[in-house]
């Protein structure tokens, strides 16, 4: 029987969503190869990539002929396939992890778009001060929700132990702390971020080179 091809992760490590996937794969202990896609490298709008993901977005995985896109779906797939405790077996515990993974992608991350482009990326198309301040205000409001939750939850986002929720939240916190503007004091968020950053995987994915 032919040996299965190694997992392939397509994207660029500067993408927060690609880092969700590679961090998850590292924690599970998977062997994988990476293929760089995404501007300013290989344009995901090329026909070769669009056949895999018509949205022209990274990451995409190729797992022995199986193609999957959307980072949240990918990390759940990998954790479930390899029976990883990062996505719990108990349906209520799993739902809590899903709650925060979904919240990170739909409620937290969209708020920072304009501010990150203006203040971190220094994109000359993003100079509207009112829109920057609005983005910062909405971002800060979401981060205060996270702060209040972590004060109650303790060290981890869900169920008192490491899960997919901690990976995605730590990556979002990294972007928060990496973007230069005056921030409110969020001690529980900072403690969670420092705890994850102190791990070998966290040190790799929460670095100054990958804001």
Protein backbone atom coordinates (compact mmCIF):
# COMPACT_ATOMS: atom_id res chain seq x y z
CA UNK A 1 0.00 0.00 0.00
CA UNK A 2 1.55 3.37 -0.98
CA UNK A 3 2.56 5.67 1.83
CA UNK A 4 0.32 8.71 2.33
CA UNK A 5 1.73 12.06 1.24
CA UNK A 6 2.73 14.34 4.12
CA UNK A 7 0.34 17.05 5.19
CA UNK A 8 0.90 20.23 3.16
CA UNK A 9 0.09 23.66 4.58
CA UNK A 10 -0.18 26.39 1.96
CA UNK A 11 0.25 30.00 3.06
CA UNK A 12 2.74 32.45 4.52
CA UNK A 13 3.85 32.47 8.13
CA UNK A 14 3.12 36.21 8.48
CA UNK A 15 -0.58 35.33 8.17
CA UNK A 16 -2.23 34.97 11.57
CA UNK A 17 -4.54 32.32 10.12
CA UNK A 18 -1.65 30.25 8.78
CA UNK A 19 -0.02 30.40 12.20
CA UNK A 20 -3.20 28.98 13.75
CA UNK A 21 -2.73 25.90 11.60
CA UNK A 22 1.03 25.42 11.96
CA UNK A 23 0.87 25.99 15.73
CA UNK A 24 -1.90 23.40 16.01
CA UNK A 25 0.06 20.93 13.88
CA UNK A 26 3.17 21.46 16.00
CA UNK A 27 1.30 20.86 19.25
CA UNK A 28 -0.20 17.66 17.86
CA UNK A 29 3.26 16.58 16.68
CA UNK A 30 2.44 16.29 12.99
CA UNK A 31 4.94 16.10 10.18
CA UNK A 32 4.10 18.55 7.42
CA UNK A 33 5.57 20.54 4.60
CA UNK A 34 4.83 24.18 3.87
CA UNK A 35 4.29 25.84 0.53
CA UNK A 36 4.51 29.63 0.47
CA UNK A 37 1.45 31.34 -0.97
CA UNK A 38 0.14 34.83 -0.37
CA UNK A 39 1.32 38.29 -1.28
CA UNK A 40 4.01 39.55 -1.55
CA UNK A 41 5.14 36.03 -2.52
CA UNK A 42 2.94 33.85 -4.72
CA UNK A 43 -0.36 35.44 -5.65
CA UNK A 44 -3.27 33.28 -4.42
CA UNK A 45 -5.35 34.60 -7.32
CA UNK A 46 -3.36 32.40 -9.68
CA UNK A 47 -5.39 29.65 -11.30
CA UNK A 48 -3.34 26.94 -9.57
CA UNK A 49 -4.36 28.21 -6.15
CA UNK A 50 -7.94 29.14 -7.07
CA UNK A 51 -8.58 25.49 -7.93
CA UNK A 52 -7.92 24.75 -4.27
CA UNK A 53 -9.63 27.77 -2.72
CA UNK A 54 -11.84 29.97 -4.91
CA UNK A 55 -11.69 32.68 -2.22
CA UNK A 56 -7.96 33.23 -2.93
CA UNK A 57 -7.21 33.13 0.79
CA UNK A 58 -4.62 31.27 2.88
CA UNK A 59 -4.31 28.82 4.53
CA UNK A 60 -5.22 25.72 2.58
CA UNK A 61 -4.21 22.19 3.55
CA UNK A 62 -3.70 19.13 1.38
CA UNK A 63 -4.03 15.96 3.42
CA UNK A 64 -3.52 12.85 1.30
CA UNK A 65 -5.70 14.23 -1.47
CA UNK A 66 -8.16 16.00 0.83
CA UNK A 67 -8.34 19.78 0.33
CA UNK A 68 -9.58 22.06 3.10
CA UNK A 69 -9.64 25.84 3.59
CA UNK A 70 -10.76 28.19 6.38
CA UNK A 71 -8.39 28.16 9.34
CA UNK A 72 -11.06 27.40 11.95
CA UNK A 73 -12.23 24.36 10.02
CA UNK A 74 -8.65 23.22 9.47
CA UNK A 75 -7.58 23.31 13.11
CA UNK A 76 -10.72 21.46 14.19
CA UNK A 77 -10.16 18.86 11.48
CA UNK A 78 -6.55 18.24 12.50
CA UNK A 79 -7.36 18.08 16.21
CA UNK A 80 -10.26 15.67 15.66
CA UNK A 81 -8.47 13.46 13.15
CA UNK A 82 -5.50 12.97 15.44
CA UNK A 83 -7.62 12.68 18.60
CA UNK A 84 -5.99 15.70 20.12
CA UNK A 85 -7.25 17.09 23.40
CA UNK A 86 -6.96 20.54 21.84
CA UNK A 87 -10.55 19.97 20.69
CA UNK A 88 -12.31 18.09 23.51
CA UNK A 89 -14.36 14.95 23.07
CA UNK A 90 -17.07 16.06 25.49
CA UNK A 91 -19.65 17.95 23.46
CA UNK A 92 -20.16 20.77 25.97
CA UNK A 93 -16.45 21.31 26.46
CA UNK A 94 -15.99 21.25 22.70
CA UNK A 95 -18.79 23.80 22.29
CA UNK A 96 -17.02 26.20 24.66
CA UNK A 97 -13.82 25.90 22.64
CA UNK A 98 -15.80 26.47 19.44
CA UNK A 99 -17.48 29.49 20.99
CA UNK A 100 -14.18 31.28 21.51
CA UNK A 101 -12.60 30.12 18.26
CA UNK A 102 -15.64 31.50 16.42
CA UNK A 103 -15.68 34.70 18.47
CA UNK A 104 -12.03 35.33 17.64
CA UNK A 105 -12.73 35.08 13.92
CA UNK A 106 -16.06 36.91 13.74
CA UNK A 107 -16.15 39.43 16.60
CA UNK A 108 -12.57 40.19 17.63
CA UNK A 109 -10.45 40.10 14.50
CA UNK A 110 -12.67 42.23 12.23
CA UNK A 111 -12.34 45.21 14.58
CA UNK A 112 -8.63 45.75 14.11
CA UNK A 113 -8.51 45.88 10.30
CA UNK A 114 -8.16 49.61 9.74
CA UNK A 115 -5.96 50.26 12.77
CA UNK A 116 -3.51 47.48 11.90
CA UNK A 117 -3.19 48.65 8.31
CA UNK A 118 -2.59 52.22 9.46
CA UNK A 119 -0.41 51.79 12.53
CA UNK A 120 1.32 48.43 12.10
CA UNK A 121 1.48 47.94 8.34
CA UNK A 122 1.96 51.68 7.67
CA UNK A 123 -0.23 51.33 4.60
CA UNK A 124 -0.47 54.78 2.96
CA UNK A 125 -4.07 54.10 1.93
CA UNK A 126 -5.12 54.01 5.60
CA UNK A 127 -4.66 57.52 7.00
CA UNK A 128 -8.16 58.55 8.05
CA UNK A 129 -7.72 59.46 11.72
CA UNK A 130 -11.42 59.08 12.53
CA UNK A 131 -11.49 55.56 11.09
CA UNK A 132 -8.30 54.65 12.94
CA UNK A 133 -9.82 55.81 16.22
CA UNK A 134 -13.06 53.98 15.49
CA UNK A 135 -11.17 50.75 14.77
CA UNK A 136 -9.17 51.14 17.99
CA UNK A 137 -12.34 51.76 20.01
CA UNK A 138 -14.13 48.70 18.62
CA UNK A 139 -11.00 46.58 19.06
CA UNK A 140 -10.62 47.74 22.65
CA UNK A 141 -14.25 46.92 23.43
CA UNK A 142 -13.75 43.35 22.19
CA UNK A 143 -10.53 43.00 24.18
CA UNK A 144 -12.35 44.10 27.33
CA UNK A 145 -14.82 41.26 26.78
CA UNK A 146 -11.85 38.89 26.63
CA UNK A 147 -10.33 40.46 29.75
CA UNK A 148 -13.53 39.97 31.72
CA UNK A 149 -13.76 36.35 30.61
CA UNK A 150 -10.15 35.50 31.45
CA UNK A 151 -10.50 37.04 34.91
CA UNK A 152 -13.20 34.48 35.59
CA UNK A 153 -11.80 31.55 33.59
CA UNK A 154 -8.25 31.65 34.96
CA UNK A 155 -5.19 30.51 33.04
CA UNK A 156 -6.94 29.08 29.97
CA UNK A 157 -9.75 30.30 27.75
CA UNK A 158 -11.96 27.20 28.07
CA UNK A 159 -12.32 24.19 30.36
CA UNK A 160 -9.25 24.96 32.47
CA UNK A 161 -6.73 23.49 30.01
CA UNK A 162 -4.96 24.22 26.75
CA UNK A 163 -7.17 24.11 23.67
CA UNK A 164 -7.57 25.52 20.18
CA UNK A 165 -9.17 28.55 21.81
CA UNK A 166 -5.90 29.48 23.52
CA UNK A 167 -3.99 29.30 20.25
CA UNK A 168 -6.29 31.65 18.37
CA UNK A 169 -6.73 34.07 21.26
CA UNK A 170 -2.99 34.31 21.90
CA UNK A 171 -2.41 35.12 18.24
CA UNK A 172 -4.98 37.90 18.42
CA UNK A 173 -3.44 39.23 21.64
CA UNK A 174 -0.08 39.25 19.88
CA UNK A 175 -1.47 41.55 17.23
CA UNK A 176 -2.97 43.77 19.94
CA UNK A 177 0.33 44.14 21.77
CA UNK A 178 2.30 44.54 18.51
CA UNK A 179 0.26 47.47 17.19
CA UNK A 180 1.55 50.84 18.47
CA UNK A 181 -1.14 52.86 20.23
CA UNK A 182 -2.11 53.68 23.82
CA UNK A 183 -3.84 50.66 25.30
CA UNK A 184 -5.91 50.08 28.43
CA UNK A 185 -4.42 47.85 31.11
CA UNK A 186 -5.71 44.31 30.58
CA UNK A 187 -3.83 42.21 33.15
CA UNK A 188 -5.65 38.92 32.53
CA UNK A 189 -5.12 39.17 28.77
CA UNK A 190 -1.46 40.00 29.33
CA UNK A 191 -1.00 37.06 31.71
CA UNK A 192 -2.59 34.63 29.24
CA UNK A 193 -0.46 35.99 26.41
CA UNK A 194 2.76 35.75 28.42
CA UNK A 195 1.95 32.19 29.48
CA UNK A 196 1.45 31.06 25.87
CA UNK A 197 4.47 33.03 24.65
CA UNK A 198 6.66 31.24 27.21
CA UNK A 199 5.98 27.86 25.56
CA UNK A 200 8.27 26.62 22.75
CA UNK A 201 5.48 26.93 20.18
CA UNK A 202 4.38 30.30 21.50
CA UNK A 203 7.91 31.66 21.30
CA UNK A 204 7.95 30.58 17.65
CA UNK A 205 4.61 32.02 16.61
CA UNK A 206 4.33 35.07 18.88
CA UNK A 207 7.57 36.69 17.74
CA UNK A 208 8.44 40.18 16.60
CA UNK A 209 8.91 38.84 13.07
CA UNK A 210 5.27 37.74 12.87
CA UNK A 211 3.06 40.55 14.19
